[in-house]
Amino acid sequence: MNINKAVDKAYEGKTLKELANAPVSALQGVSEADAQKLQEAFNIKTIRDFANSKYVKWAMSIVNLADAEE
């Protein structure tokens, strides 16, 4: 996977640790306004916060289980 395709140009070339601690707005498609709403609603400030969000984990678990469901 080319991580540079997942982040804004300003974050290309950063280490994975730097990206994990970068603001969620560093992700392509997440605007500053979106990031502000995520912070207000769920206290999500960084990509790490977003990935560790219980809501993201719940959604991923539901989708993974649904894909395996008979």
Protein backbone atom coordinates (compact mmCIF):
# COMPACT_ATOMS: atom_id res chain seq x y z
CA MET A 1 0.00 0.00 0.00
CA ASN A 2 1.27 3.45 -0.87
CA ILE A 3 0.54 5.46 2.28
CA ASN A 4 1.11 8.68 0.35
CA LYS A 5 -2.20 8.04 -1.43
CA ALA A 6 -3.99 8.04 1.93
CA VAL A 7 -2.63 11.31 3.30
CA ASP A 8 -2.53 14.93 2.23
CA LYS A 9 0.55 16.11 0.33
CA ALA A 10 1.96 17.87 3.41
CA TYR A 11 2.18 14.50 5.19
CA GLU A 12 3.73 12.46 2.37
CA GLY A 13 7.07 10.99 3.38
CA LYS A 14 6.31 11.07 7.10
CA THR A 15 6.99 7.97 9.18
CA LEU A 16 4.09 5.80 10.26
CA LYS A 17 4.61 6.97 13.86
CA GLU A 18 4.43 10.59 12.72
CA LEU A 19 1.27 9.84 10.74
CA ALA A 20 -0.38 8.04 13.65
CA ASN A 21 0.10 11.17 15.75
CA ALA A 22 -0.87 13.58 12.97
CA PRO A 23 -4.23 15.35 13.02
CA VAL A 24 -7.06 13.35 11.51
CA SER A 25 -7.28 16.06 8.84
CA ALA A 26 -3.98 14.67 7.47
CA LEU A 27 -6.07 11.90 5.89
CA GLN A 28 -7.12 12.61 2.32
CA GLY A 29 -10.78 13.54 2.21
CA VAL A 30 -10.99 14.70 5.83
CA SER A 31 -11.27 18.48 5.92
CA GLU A 32 -10.43 20.75 8.83
CA ALA A 33 -14.18 21.17 9.36
CA ASP A 34 -14.65 17.39 9.40
CA ALA A 35 -11.79 17.05 11.87
CA GLN A 36 -13.35 19.70 14.11
CA LYS A 37 -16.67 17.82 14.09
CA LEU A 38 -14.91 14.55 14.97
CA GLN A 39 -13.17 16.28 17.85
CA GLU A 40 -16.37 17.84 19.13
CA ALA A 41 -18.44 14.67 18.82
CA PHE A 42 -15.94 11.97 19.76
CA ASN A 43 -12.81 13.73 21.06
CA ILE A 44 -10.87 12.42 18.04
CA LYS A 45 -7.82 14.57 17.37
CA THR A 46 -5.29 12.28 15.68
CA ILE A 47 -5.25 9.43 13.21
CA ARG A 48 -4.41 7.19 16.17
CA ASP A 49 -7.49 8.43 18.06
CA PHE A 50 -9.61 7.74 14.99
CA ALA A 51 -8.26 4.21 14.52
CA ASN A 52 -8.68 3.42 18.21
CA SER A 53 -12.21 4.81 18.39
CA LYS A 54 -14.63 2.25 19.77
CA TYR A 55 -17.08 3.27 17.03
CA VAL A 56 -14.59 2.49 14.28
CA LYS A 57 -13.72 -0.81 15.96
CA TRP A 58 -17.40 -1.71 16.33
CA ALA A 59 -18.08 -0.88 12.68
CA MET A 60 -15.09 -2.91 11.49
CA SER A 61 -16.12 -5.88 13.63
CA ILE A 62 -19.69 -5.79 12.32
CA VAL A 63 -18.50 -5.67 8.71
CA ASN A 64 -15.93 -8.44 9.21
CA LEU A 65 -18.48 -10.68 10.91
CA ALA A 66 -21.12 -9.88 8.28
CA ASP A 67 -18.69 -10.88 5.54
CA ALA A 68 -18.08 -14.21 7.30
CA GLU A 69 -21.74 -14.84 8.12
CA GLU A 70 -23.38 -17.75 6.32
